[in-house]
Amino acid sequence: MDINYELYKVFYSVASTLSFSEASKQLFLSQSAVSQSVKTLERKLGHPLFFRSTKKVQLSPAGELLLRYVEPAIQLIQRGESQLLEAGELGLGQLHIGASDTICRYFLVPYFQQFHQKFPDIPIKVTNATSLGCVSLLTQGKADLIIANYPNSCLDASFIRKRVAYFSDVFIANPAYYDWDGKDVTLEDLKECPLLMLDKKSTTSEFLHSLFLQRQLELVPEVELSSNDLLIDLARIGLGVAFIPDFCLSGNERDLRVIRTAEQIPKRQLVAAVNPGLPVSAAALEFLKLLPEISHKF
């Protein structure tokens, strides 16, 4: 089906704003031209894309379906245009990375520093999201590269370019409130404590729920947050037992102890991933060279 790209561009603008008048301003077209373009696209596709009334515009089911495909396509084109312009001006363009705030703070900062020292004229853009959310950034073309926790239910192994680190997850608590005198503590013991953990939209939550499920234990956290640093603070004041990656600990916490568990908790990985269906930017390739690489097996 031969449909002009401009029709999809108009559709995307109207679908994004749910306003024909706003879309006309964005596209520098008359409102009648925008309306005519949408009608032409609807006629060619054989489906109504919007429900129109005097007060509001809504996407039809066909419009919602089409938007799921048009949005990433438009964004990829815009990203390609942006990279070409930036490459002409800077040589390597812009480095756009997706990573959680925890991974940025405790792992990526030294590599950002190295990259900036080596390529001071290349801007570094970082989008914070959970490791699950970062995969969405990658598939939609909103990031060149992501650093994420693995295993990850959203991340296909074909996306992984480098495995950059191993880490362990640990339970921590203030011994003034939770003291097992160096004993091995079971997960069944821990489920009786107020558990502090990341929220359900995280790989860490997926991982801990899976550990409990494997032992037919119900996991009901007392607190679910989006920040490991805040979990540490709450554990420090005795509100419960926190579950965090071990690299978040400095080793100098006087009022916190790592709880020794009877069950061995499997290690996880940090991985660098790219979208295999898209060209990797020159800046992302240079950043990948700075990252370490670990063996797949351990």
C-alpha atoms as a PDB file:
ATOM      1  CA  MET A   1       0.000   0.000   0.000  1.00  0.00           C
ATOM      2  CA  ASP A   2       1.560   3.282  -1.157  1.00  0.00           C
ATOM      3  CA  ILE A   3       0.863   5.887   1.521  1.00  0.00           C
ATOM      4  CA  ASN A   4       2.754   9.156   1.743  1.00  0.00           C
ATOM      5  CA  TYR A   5       4.893   9.463   4.880  1.00  0.00           C
ATOM      6  CA  GLU A   6       3.485  12.960   5.445  1.00  0.00           C
ATOM      7  CA  LEU A   7       0.054  11.441   6.115  1.00  0.00           C
ATOM      8  CA  TYR A   8       1.492   9.317   8.922  1.00  0.00           C
ATOM      9  CA  LYS A   9       3.329  12.363  10.247  1.00  0.00           C
ATOM     10  CA  VAL A  10       0.053  14.297  10.430  1.00  0.00           C
ATOM     11  CA  PHE A  11      -1.697  11.323  12.037  1.00  0.00           C
ATOM     12  CA  TYR A  12       1.058  11.053  14.678  1.00  0.00           C
ATOM     13  CA  SER A  13       0.803  14.741  15.532  1.00  0.00           C
ATOM     14  CA  VAL A  14      -2.978  14.593  15.951  1.00  0.00           C
ATOM     15  CA  ALA A  15      -2.777  11.315  17.902  1.00  0.00           C
ATOM     16  CA  SER A  16      -0.105  12.744  20.222  1.00  0.00           C
ATOM     17  CA  THR A  17      -2.001  15.927  20.996  1.00  0.00           C
ATOM     18  CA  LEU A  18      -5.596  14.724  20.466  1.00  0.00           C
ATOM     19  CA  SER A  19      -6.172  18.111  18.890  1.00  0.00           C
ATOM     20  CA  PHE A  20      -6.431  19.075  15.216  1.00  0.00           C
ATOM     21  CA  SER A  21      -5.692  22.714  16.045  1.00  0.00           C
ATOM     22  CA  GLU A  22      -2.585  21.856  18.106  1.00  0.00           C
ATOM     23  CA  ALA A  23      -1.354  19.531  15.362  1.00  0.00           C
ATOM     24  CA  SER A  24      -1.783  22.290  12.796  1.00  0.00           C
ATOM     25  CA  LYS A  25       0.433  24.576  14.907  1.00  0.00           C
ATOM     26  CA  GLN A  26       3.110  21.899  15.286  1.00  0.00           C
ATOM     27  CA  LEU A  27       3.150  21.117  11.568  1.00  0.00           C
ATOM     28  CA  PHE A  28       2.686  24.702  10.328  1.00  0.00           C
ATOM     29  CA  LEU A  29      -0.368  23.633   8.329  1.00  0.00           C
ATOM     30  CA  SER A  30      -3.897  24.917   8.248  1.00  0.00           C
ATOM     31  CA  GLN A  31      -6.408  23.009  10.368  1.00  0.00           C
ATOM     32  CA  SER A  32      -8.373  22.101   7.242  1.00  0.00           C
ATOM     33  CA  ALA A  33      -5.206  20.630   5.682  1.00  0.00           C
ATOM     34  CA  VAL A  34      -4.628  18.512   8.785  1.00  0.00           C
ATOM     35  CA  SER A  35      -8.227  17.324   8.757  1.00  0.00           C
ATOM     36  CA  GLN A  36      -8.044  16.493   5.048  1.00  0.00           C
ATOM     37  CA  SER A  37      -4.804  14.523   5.518  1.00  0.00           C
ATOM     38  CA  VAL A  38      -6.389  12.423   8.270  1.00  0.00           C
ATOM     39  CA  LYS A  39      -9.462  11.746   6.107  1.00  0.00           C
ATOM     40  CA  THR A  40      -7.202  10.689   3.220  1.00  0.00           C
ATOM     41  CA  LEU A  41      -5.299   8.277   5.466  1.00  0.00           C
ATOM     42  CA  GLU A  42      -8.544   6.855   6.851  1.00  0.00           C
ATOM     43  CA  ARG A  43      -9.837   6.322   3.336  1.00  0.00           C
ATOM     44  CA  LYS A  44      -6.661   4.573   2.209  1.00  0.00           C
ATOM     45  CA  LEU A  45      -6.583   2.310   5.278  1.00  0.00           C
ATOM     46  CA  GLY A  46     -10.321   1.678   5.287  1.00  0.00           C
ATOM     47  CA  HIS A  47     -10.754   2.428   9.005  1.00  0.00           C
ATOM     48  CA  PRO A  48     -11.746   5.474  11.067  1.00  0.00           C
ATOM     49  CA  LEU A  49      -8.742   6.541  13.133  1.00  0.00           C
ATOM     50  CA  PHE A  50     -10.419   9.105  15.401  1.00  0.00           C
ATOM     51  CA  PHE A  51     -13.766   9.717  17.052  1.00  0.00           C
ATOM     52  CA  ARG A  52     -14.514  13.427  16.656  1.00  0.00           C
ATOM     53  CA  SER A  53     -16.891  15.581  18.602  1.00  0.00           C
ATOM     54  CA  THR A  54     -17.237  19.303  19.198  1.00  0.00           C
ATOM     55  CA  LYS A  55     -15.463  19.013  22.551  1.00  0.00           C
ATOM     56  CA  LYS A  56     -12.756  16.388  22.106  1.00  0.00           C
ATOM     57  CA  VAL A  57     -10.896  14.030  19.798  1.00  0.00           C
ATOM     58  CA  GLN A  58     -10.316  10.396  20.719  1.00  0.00           C
ATOM     59  CA  LEU A  59      -8.408   7.606  19.034  1.00  0.00           C
ATOM     60  CA  SER A  60     -10.510   4.779  17.665  1.00  0.00           C
ATOM     61  CA  PRO A  61      -9.371   1.180  18.278  1.00  0.00           C
ATOM     62  CA  ALA A  62      -7.834   1.210  14.780  1.00  0.00           C
ATOM     63  CA  GLY A  63      -6.108   4.499  15.598  1.00  0.00           C
ATOM     64  CA  GLU A  64      -4.670   3.115  18.838  1.00  0.00           C
ATOM     65  CA  LEU A  65      -3.337   0.087  16.968  1.00  0.00           C
ATOM     66  CA  LEU A  66      -1.775   2.215  14.240  1.00  0.00           C
ATOM     67  CA  LEU A  67      -0.192   4.581  16.775  1.00  0.00           C
ATOM     68  CA  ARG A  68       1.701   1.700  18.408  1.00  0.00           C
ATOM     69  CA  TYR A  69       3.534   1.180  15.118  1.00  0.00           C
ATOM     70  CA  VAL A  70       3.747   4.733  13.833  1.00  0.00           C
ATOM     71  CA  GLU A  71       5.151   6.252  17.045  1.00  0.00           C
ATOM     72  CA  PRO A  72       8.413   4.254  17.173  1.00  0.00           C
ATOM     73  CA  ALA A  73       8.840   4.652  13.402  1.00  0.00           C
ATOM     74  CA  ILE A  74       8.520   8.453  13.565  1.00  0.00           C
ATOM     75  CA  GLN A  75      10.861   8.603  16.560  1.00  0.00           C
ATOM     76  CA  LEU A  76      13.453   6.458  14.787  1.00  0.00           C
ATOM     77  CA  ILE A  77      13.392   8.745  11.764  1.00  0.00           C
ATOM     78  CA  GLN A  78      13.757  11.799  13.996  1.00  0.00           C
ATOM     79  CA  ARG A  79      16.626  10.118  15.847  1.00  0.00           C
ATOM     80  CA  GLY A  80      18.369   9.299  12.574  1.00  0.00           C
ATOM     81  CA  GLU A  81      18.019  12.891  11.373  1.00  0.00           C
ATOM     82  CA  SER A  82      19.341  14.155  14.706  1.00  0.00           C
ATOM     83  CA  GLN A  83      22.359  11.835  14.617  1.00  0.00           C
ATOM     84  CA  LEU A  84      23.242  12.909  11.080  1.00  0.00           C
ATOM     85  CA  LEU A  85      23.089  16.575  12.043  1.00  0.00           C
ATOM     86  CA  GLU A  86      25.087  16.009  15.207  1.00  0.00           C
ATOM     87  CA  ALA A  87      27.629  13.826  13.416  1.00  0.00           C
ATOM     88  CA  GLY A  88      28.247  16.630  10.946  1.00  0.00           C
ATOM     89  CA  GLU A  89      28.867  19.088  13.756  1.00  0.00           C
ATOM     90  CA  LEU A  90      30.684  16.946  16.327  1.00  0.00           C
ATOM     91  CA  GLY A  91      32.099  13.958  14.473  1.00  0.00           C
ATOM     92  CA  LEU A  92      30.461  11.330  16.688  1.00  0.00           C
ATOM     93  CA  GLY A  93      27.139  12.950  17.548  1.00  0.00           C
ATOM     94  CA  GLN A  94      25.464  12.491  20.931  1.00  0.00           C
ATOM     95  CA  LEU A  95      25.723   9.599  23.382  1.00  0.00           C
ATOM     96  CA  HIS A  96      22.274   8.648  24.688  1.00  0.00           C
ATOM     97  CA  ILE A  97      22.240   6.018  27.441  1.00  0.00           C
ATOM     98  CA  GLY A  98      19.384   4.510  29.415  1.00  0.00           C
ATOM     99  CA  ALA A  99      20.029   3.207  32.940  1.00  0.00           C
ATOM    100  CA  SER A 100      18.521   3.210  36.412  1.00  0.00           C
ATOM    101  CA  ASP A 101      19.659   5.856  38.873  1.00  0.00           C
ATOM    102  CA  THR A 102      21.298   3.086  40.960  1.00  0.00           C
ATOM    103  CA  ILE A 103      23.356   1.784  38.034  1.00  0.00           C
ATOM    104  CA  CYS A 104      24.292   5.336  37.034  1.00  0.00           C
ATOM    105  CA  ARG A 105      25.448   6.276  40.517  1.00  0.00           C
ATOM    106  CA  TYR A 106      27.245   3.109  41.563  1.00  0.00           C
ATOM    107  CA  PHE A 107      28.590   1.822  38.246  1.00  0.00           C
ATOM    108  CA  LEU A 108      28.521   4.252  35.338  1.00  0.00           C
ATOM    109  CA  VAL A 109      29.931   7.509  36.741  1.00  0.00           C
ATOM    110  CA  PRO A 110      33.627   6.546  36.253  1.00  0.00           C
ATOM    111  CA  TYR A 111      32.915   5.540  32.643  1.00  0.00           C
ATOM    112  CA  PHE A 112      31.039   8.781  31.995  1.00  0.00           C
ATOM    113  CA  GLN A 113      34.115  10.586  33.283  1.00  0.00           C
ATOM    114  CA  GLN A 114      36.455   8.595  31.011  1.00  0.00           C
ATOM    115  CA  PHE A 115      34.246   9.190  27.986  1.00  0.00           C
ATOM    116  CA  HIS A 116      33.962  12.907  28.700  1.00  0.00           C
ATOM    117  CA  GLN A 117      37.737  13.227  29.058  1.00  0.00           C
ATOM    118  CA  LYS A 118      38.277  11.387  25.775  1.00  0.00           C
ATOM    119  CA  PHE A 119      35.475  13.123  23.837  1.00  0.00           C
ATOM    120  CA  PRO A 120      34.798  16.439  25.627  1.00  0.00           C
ATOM    121  CA  ASP A 121      32.689  17.829  22.759  1.00  0.00           C
ATOM    122  CA  ILE A 122      30.203  14.949  22.659  1.00  0.00           C
ATOM    123  CA  PRO A 123      27.162  15.547  24.891  1.00  0.00           C
ATOM    124  CA  ILE A 124      26.067  12.670  27.132  1.00  0.00           C
ATOM    125  CA  LYS A 125      22.318  12.305  27.577  1.00  0.00           C
ATOM    126  CA  VAL A 126      21.139   9.909  30.285  1.00  0.00           C
ATOM    127  CA  THR A 127      17.536   8.786  30.670  1.00  0.00           C
ATOM    128  CA  ASN A 128      16.754   7.205  34.035  1.00  0.00           C
ATOM    129  CA  ALA A 129      14.360   4.272  34.030  1.00  0.00           C
ATOM    130  CA  THR A 130      14.158   0.864  35.662  1.00  0.00           C
ATOM    131  CA  SER A 131      15.999  -1.942  33.886  1.00  0.00           C
ATOM    132  CA  LEU A 132      12.615  -3.065  32.547  1.00  0.00           C
ATOM    133  CA  GLY A 133      11.801   0.444  31.352  1.00  0.00           C
ATOM    134  CA  CYS A 134      15.215   0.823  29.707  1.00  0.00           C
ATOM    135  CA  VAL A 135      14.413  -2.051  27.340  1.00  0.00           C
ATOM    136  CA  SER A 136      11.381  -0.096  26.158  1.00  0.00           C
ATOM    137  CA  LEU A 137      13.633   2.930  25.505  1.00  0.00           C
ATOM    138  CA  LEU A 138      15.875   0.729  23.415  1.00  0.00           C
ATOM    139  CA  THR A 139      13.156  -0.930  21.354  1.00  0.00           C
ATOM    140  CA  GLN A 140      11.521   2.434  20.640  1.00  0.00           C
ATOM    141  CA  GLY A 141      14.813   3.941  19.513  1.00  0.00           C
ATOM    142  CA  LYS A 142      14.893   6.439  22.382  1.00  0.00           C
ATOM    143  CA  ALA A 143      18.359   5.333  23.563  1.00  0.00           C
ATOM    144  CA  ASP A 144      21.496   4.194  21.737  1.00  0.00           C
ATOM    145  CA  LEU A 145      22.588   1.918  24.539  1.00  0.00           C
ATOM    146  CA  ILE A 146      21.295   0.718  27.890  1.00  0.00           C
ATOM    147  CA  ILE A 147      23.006  -0.708  30.966  1.00  0.00           C
ATOM    148  CA  ALA A 148      20.558  -2.987  32.722  1.00  0.00           C
ATOM    149  CA  ASN A 149      20.174  -5.775  35.254  1.00  0.00           C
ATOM    150  CA  TYR A 150      20.010  -9.300  33.861  1.00  0.00           C
ATOM    151  CA  PRO A 151      18.053 -11.631  34.003  1.00  0.00           C
ATOM    152  CA  ASN A 152      15.408  -9.263  32.680  1.00  0.00           C
ATOM    153  CA  SER A 153      12.002 -10.479  31.531  1.00  0.00           C
ATOM    154  CA  CYS A 154      11.856  -7.795  28.818  1.00  0.00           C
ATOM    155  CA  LEU A 155      15.386  -8.157  27.437  1.00  0.00           C
ATOM    156  CA  ASP A 156      16.073 -10.656  24.668  1.00  0.00           C
ATOM    157  CA  ALA A 157      19.593 -12.115  24.829  1.00  0.00           C
ATOM    158  CA  SER A 158      20.184 -11.013  21.208  1.00  0.00           C
ATOM    159  CA  PHE A 159      20.219  -7.387  22.436  1.00  0.00           C
ATOM    160  CA  ILE A 160      23.174  -7.964  24.801  1.00  0.00           C
ATOM    161  CA  ARG A 161      26.442  -6.578  23.438  1.00  0.00           C
ATOM    162  CA  LYS A 162      28.538  -6.962  26.592  1.00  0.00           C
ATOM    163  CA  ARG A 163      28.205  -8.497  30.044  1.00  0.00           C
ATOM    164  CA  VAL A 164      29.991  -5.909  32.156  1.00  0.00           C
ATOM    165  CA  ALA A 165      29.724  -6.980  35.819  1.00  0.00           C
ATOM    166  CA  TYR A 166      28.446  -9.560  38.283  1.00  0.00           C
ATOM    167  CA  PHE A 167      26.797  -8.569  41.530  1.00  0.00           C
ATOM    168  CA  SER A 168      25.047 -10.187  44.464  1.00  0.00           C
ATOM    169  CA  ASP A 169      21.804  -9.167  46.124  1.00  0.00           C
ATOM    170  CA  VAL A 170      21.812  -8.998  49.908  1.00  0.00           C
ATOM    171  CA  PHE A 171      19.419  -8.517  52.799  1.00  0.00           C
ATOM    172  CA  ILE A 172      20.516  -5.785  55.198  1.00  0.00           C
ATOM    173  CA  ALA A 173      19.216  -4.661  58.591  1.00  0.00           C
ATOM    174  CA  ASN A 174      20.153  -2.627  61.634  1.00  0.00           C
ATOM    175  CA  PRO A 175      21.367  -5.183  64.215  1.00  0.00           C
ATOM    176  CA  ALA A 176      19.906  -3.066  66.996  1.00  0.00           C
ATOM    177  CA  TYR A 177      16.478  -4.133  65.698  1.00  0.00           C
ATOM    178  CA  TYR A 178      17.204  -7.396  63.846  1.00  0.00           C
ATOM    179  CA  ASP A 179      20.061  -9.431  65.262  1.00  0.00           C
ATOM    180  CA  TRP A 180      20.489 -13.115  64.428  1.00  0.00           C
ATOM    181  CA  ASP A 181      23.939 -13.388  66.125  1.00  0.00           C
ATOM    182  CA  GLY A 182      25.706 -14.563  62.979  1.00  0.00           C
ATOM    183  CA  LYS A 183      23.221 -17.383  62.323  1.00  0.00           C
ATOM    184  CA  ASP A 184      22.167 -18.438  58.850  1.00  0.00           C
ATOM    185  CA  VAL A 185      18.699 -16.984  58.281  1.00  0.00           C
ATOM    186  CA  THR A 186      16.223 -18.695  55.974  1.00  0.00           C
ATOM    187  CA  LEU A 187      13.932 -16.943  53.518  1.00  0.00           C
ATOM    188  CA  GLU A 188      11.042 -18.305  55.557  1.00  0.00           C
ATOM    189  CA  ASP A 189      12.437 -16.468  58.593  1.00  0.00           C
ATOM    190  CA  LEU A 190      12.809 -13.292  56.568  1.00  0.00           C
ATOM    191  CA  LYS A 191       9.255 -13.330  55.247  1.00  0.00           C
ATOM    192  CA  GLU A 192       8.094 -12.860  58.833  1.00  0.00           C
ATOM    193  CA  CYS A 193       9.997  -9.536  58.967  1.00  0.00           C
ATOM    194  CA  PRO A 194       8.902  -6.241  57.411  1.00  0.00           C
ATOM    195  CA  LEU A 195      10.602  -6.496  54.006  1.00  0.00           C
ATOM    196  CA  LEU A 196      11.716  -3.345  52.203  1.00  0.00           C
ATOM    197  CA  MET A 197      12.281  -3.714  48.459  1.00  0.00           C
ATOM    198  CA  LEU A 198      12.039  -2.089  45.053  1.00  0.00           C
ATOM    199  CA  ASP A 199       8.621  -1.833  43.446  1.00  0.00           C
ATOM    200  CA  LYS A 200       7.091  -4.343  41.045  1.00  0.00           C
ATOM    201  CA  LYS A 201       8.299  -2.504  37.927  1.00  0.00           C
ATOM    202  CA  SER A 202      11.880  -3.619  38.580  1.00  0.00           C
ATOM    203  CA  THR A 203      14.014  -6.653  37.766  1.00  0.00           C
ATOM    204  CA  THR A 204      15.010  -6.803  41.448  1.00  0.00           C
ATOM    205  CA  SER A 205      11.385  -7.285  42.441  1.00  0.00           C
ATOM    206  CA  GLU A 206      10.969  -9.962  39.757  1.00  0.00           C
ATOM    207  CA  PHE A 207      14.092 -11.696  41.034  1.00  0.00           C
ATOM    208  CA  LEU A 208      13.108 -11.741  44.718  1.00  0.00           C
ATOM    209  CA  HIS A 209       9.543 -12.837  43.997  1.00  0.00           C
ATOM    210  CA  SER A 210      10.984 -15.683  41.905  1.00  0.00           C
ATOM    211  CA  LEU A 211      13.294 -16.758  44.756  1.00  0.00           C
ATOM    212  CA  PHE A 212      10.368 -16.948  47.176  1.00  0.00           C
ATOM    213  CA  LEU A 213       8.112 -18.658  44.640  1.00  0.00           C
ATOM    214  CA  GLN A 214      10.708 -21.384  44.000  1.00  0.00           C
ATOM    215  CA  ARG A 215      10.421 -22.263  47.689  1.00  0.00           C
ATOM    216  CA  GLN A 216       6.632 -21.943  47.707  1.00  0.00           C
ATOM    217  CA  LEU A 217       6.820 -18.916  49.976  1.00  0.00           C
ATOM    218  CA  GLU A 218       4.543 -15.918  49.732  1.00  0.00           C
ATOM    219  CA  LEU A 219       6.355 -12.592  49.488  1.00  0.00           C
ATOM    220  CA  VAL A 220       4.395  -9.650  50.891  1.00  0.00           C
ATOM    221  CA  PRO A 221       6.704  -6.612  51.205  1.00  0.00           C
ATOM    222  CA  GLU A 222       6.059  -4.004  53.839  1.00  0.00           C
ATOM    223  CA  VAL A 223       7.449  -1.194  51.687  1.00  0.00           C
ATOM    224  CA  GLU A 224       7.994  -0.940  47.914  1.00  0.00           C
ATOM    225  CA  LEU A 225       9.993   2.030  46.622  1.00  0.00           C
ATOM    226  CA  SER A 226      11.831   3.112  43.484  1.00  0.00           C
ATOM    227  CA  SER A 227      15.111   3.999  45.248  1.00  0.00           C
ATOM    228  CA  ASN A 228      17.715   1.640  46.713  1.00  0.00           C
ATOM    229  CA  ASP A 229      19.281   4.530  48.622  1.00  0.00           C
ATOM    230  CA  LEU A 230      15.992   5.200  50.392  1.00  0.00           C
ATOM    231  CA  LEU A 231      15.637   1.493  51.205  1.00  0.00           C
ATOM    232  CA  ILE A 232      19.053   1.653  52.884  1.00  0.00           C
ATOM    233  CA  ASP A 233      17.988   4.700  54.894  1.00  0.00           C
ATOM    234  CA  LEU A 234      14.815   2.965  56.077  1.00  0.00           C
ATOM    235  CA  ALA A 235      16.740  -0.170  57.065  1.00  0.00           C
ATOM    236  CA  ARG A 236      19.189   2.016  58.985  1.00  0.00           C
ATOM    237  CA  ILE A 237      16.426   3.435  61.193  1.00  0.00           C
ATOM    238  CA  GLY A 238      15.015  -0.033  61.876  1.00  0.00           C
ATOM    239  CA  LEU A 239      11.864  -0.010  59.734  1.00  0.00           C
ATOM    240  CA  GLY A 240      12.628  -3.431  58.302  1.00  0.00           C
ATOM    241  CA  VAL A 241      14.975  -5.669  56.327  1.00  0.00           C
ATOM    242  CA  ALA A 242      15.980  -4.253  52.926  1.00  0.00           C
ATOM    243  CA  PHE A 243      16.872  -6.240  49.810  1.00  0.00           C
ATOM    244  CA  ILE A 244      19.425  -4.406  47.666  1.00  0.00           C
ATOM    245  CA  PRO A 245      22.342  -5.002  45.246  1.00  0.00           C
ATOM    246  CA  ASP A 246      25.582  -5.317  47.192  1.00  0.00           C
ATOM    247  CA  PHE A 247      27.324  -2.610  45.144  1.00  0.00           C
ATOM    248  CA  CYS A 248      25.090  -0.016  46.838  1.00  0.00           C
ATOM    249  CA  LEU A 249      26.957  -0.588  50.123  1.00  0.00           C
ATOM    250  CA  SER A 250      30.145   1.322  50.848  1.00  0.00           C
ATOM    251  CA  GLY A 251      31.408  -1.203  53.389  1.00  0.00           C
ATOM    252  CA  ASN A 252      31.573   1.442  56.126  1.00  0.00           C
ATOM    253  CA  GLU A 253      27.979   1.229  57.357  1.00  0.00           C
ATOM    254  CA  ARG A 254      28.323   1.015  61.153  1.00  0.00           C
ATOM    255  CA  ASP A 255      24.633   0.565  61.859  1.00  0.00           C
ATOM    256  CA  LEU A 256      23.838  -1.940  59.099  1.00  0.00           C
ATOM    257  CA  ARG A 257      24.715  -5.598  58.699  1.00  0.00           C
ATOM    258  CA  VAL A 258      24.437  -7.958  55.747  1.00  0.00           C
ATOM    259  CA  ILE A 259      22.274 -10.901  56.809  1.00  0.00           C
ATOM    260  CA  ARG A 260      23.805 -14.294  56.084  1.00  0.00           C
ATOM    261  CA  THR A 261      21.137 -16.405  54.393  1.00  0.00           C
ATOM    262  CA  ALA A 262      20.832 -20.175  54.596  1.00  0.00           C
ATOM    263  CA  GLU A 263      19.860 -20.288  50.902  1.00  0.00           C
ATOM    264  CA  GLN A 264      22.442 -19.279  48.321  1.00  0.00           C
ATOM    265  CA  ILE A 265      21.183 -16.294  46.341  1.00  0.00           C
ATOM    266  CA  PRO A 266      22.264 -16.539  42.670  1.00  0.00           C
ATOM    267  CA  LYS A 267      24.388 -13.730  41.289  1.00  0.00           C
ATOM    268  CA  ARG A 268      23.027 -11.399  38.645  1.00  0.00           C
ATOM    269  CA  GLN A 269      24.706  -9.407  35.897  1.00  0.00           C
ATOM    270  CA  LEU A 270      24.914  -5.897  34.547  1.00  0.00           C
ATOM    271  CA  VAL A 271      24.751  -5.960  30.765  1.00  0.00           C
ATOM    272  CA  ALA A 272      25.222  -3.403  28.016  1.00  0.00           C
ATOM    273  CA  ALA A 273      22.546  -3.813  25.355  1.00  0.00           C
ATOM    274  CA  VAL A 274      21.750  -2.274  21.975  1.00  0.00           C
ATOM    275  CA  ASN A 275      18.899  -2.736  19.524  1.00  0.00           C
ATOM    276  CA  PRO A 276      20.155  -5.314  16.979  1.00  0.00           C
ATOM    277  CA  GLY A 277      17.672  -4.028  14.411  1.00  0.00           C
ATOM    278  CA  LEU A 278      19.202  -0.539  14.364  1.00  0.00           C
ATOM    279  CA  PRO A 279      22.665   0.818  13.571  1.00  0.00           C
ATOM    280  CA  VAL A 280      24.718   1.532  16.684  1.00  0.00           C
ATOM    281  CA  SER A 281      25.878   5.142  16.844  1.00  0.00           C
ATOM    282  CA  ALA A 282      29.596   5.894  16.698  1.00  0.00           C
ATOM    283  CA  ALA A 283      29.446   7.456  20.171  1.00  0.00           C
ATOM    284  CA  ALA A 284      27.807   4.336  21.646  1.00  0.00           C
ATOM    285  CA  LEU A 285      30.477   2.111  20.062  1.00  0.00           C
ATOM    286  CA  GLU A 286      33.193   4.241  21.652  1.00  0.00           C
ATOM    287  CA  PHE A 287      31.483   4.058  25.056  1.00  0.00           C
ATOM    288  CA  LEU A 288      31.182   0.272  24.766  1.00  0.00           C
ATOM    289  CA  LYS A 289      34.960   0.052  24.341  1.00  0.00           C
ATOM    290  CA  LEU A 290      35.422   1.626  27.784  1.00  0.00           C
ATOM    291  CA  LEU A 291      33.251  -0.923  29.588  1.00  0.00           C
ATOM    292  CA  PRO A 292      34.775  -4.122  31.017  1.00  0.00           C
ATOM    293  CA  GLU A 293      33.673  -7.529  29.769  1.00  0.00           C
ATOM    294  CA  ILE A 294      33.129 -10.547  31.990  1.00  0.00           C
ATOM    295  CA  SER A 295      32.807 -14.194  31.163  1.00  0.00           C
ATOM    296  CA  HIS A 296      29.295 -15.437  30.453  1.00  0.00           C
ATOM    297  CA  LYS A 297      29.857 -18.346  32.829  1.00  0.00           C
ATOM    298  CA  PHE A 298      31.060 -18.145  36.438  1.00  0.00           C
END
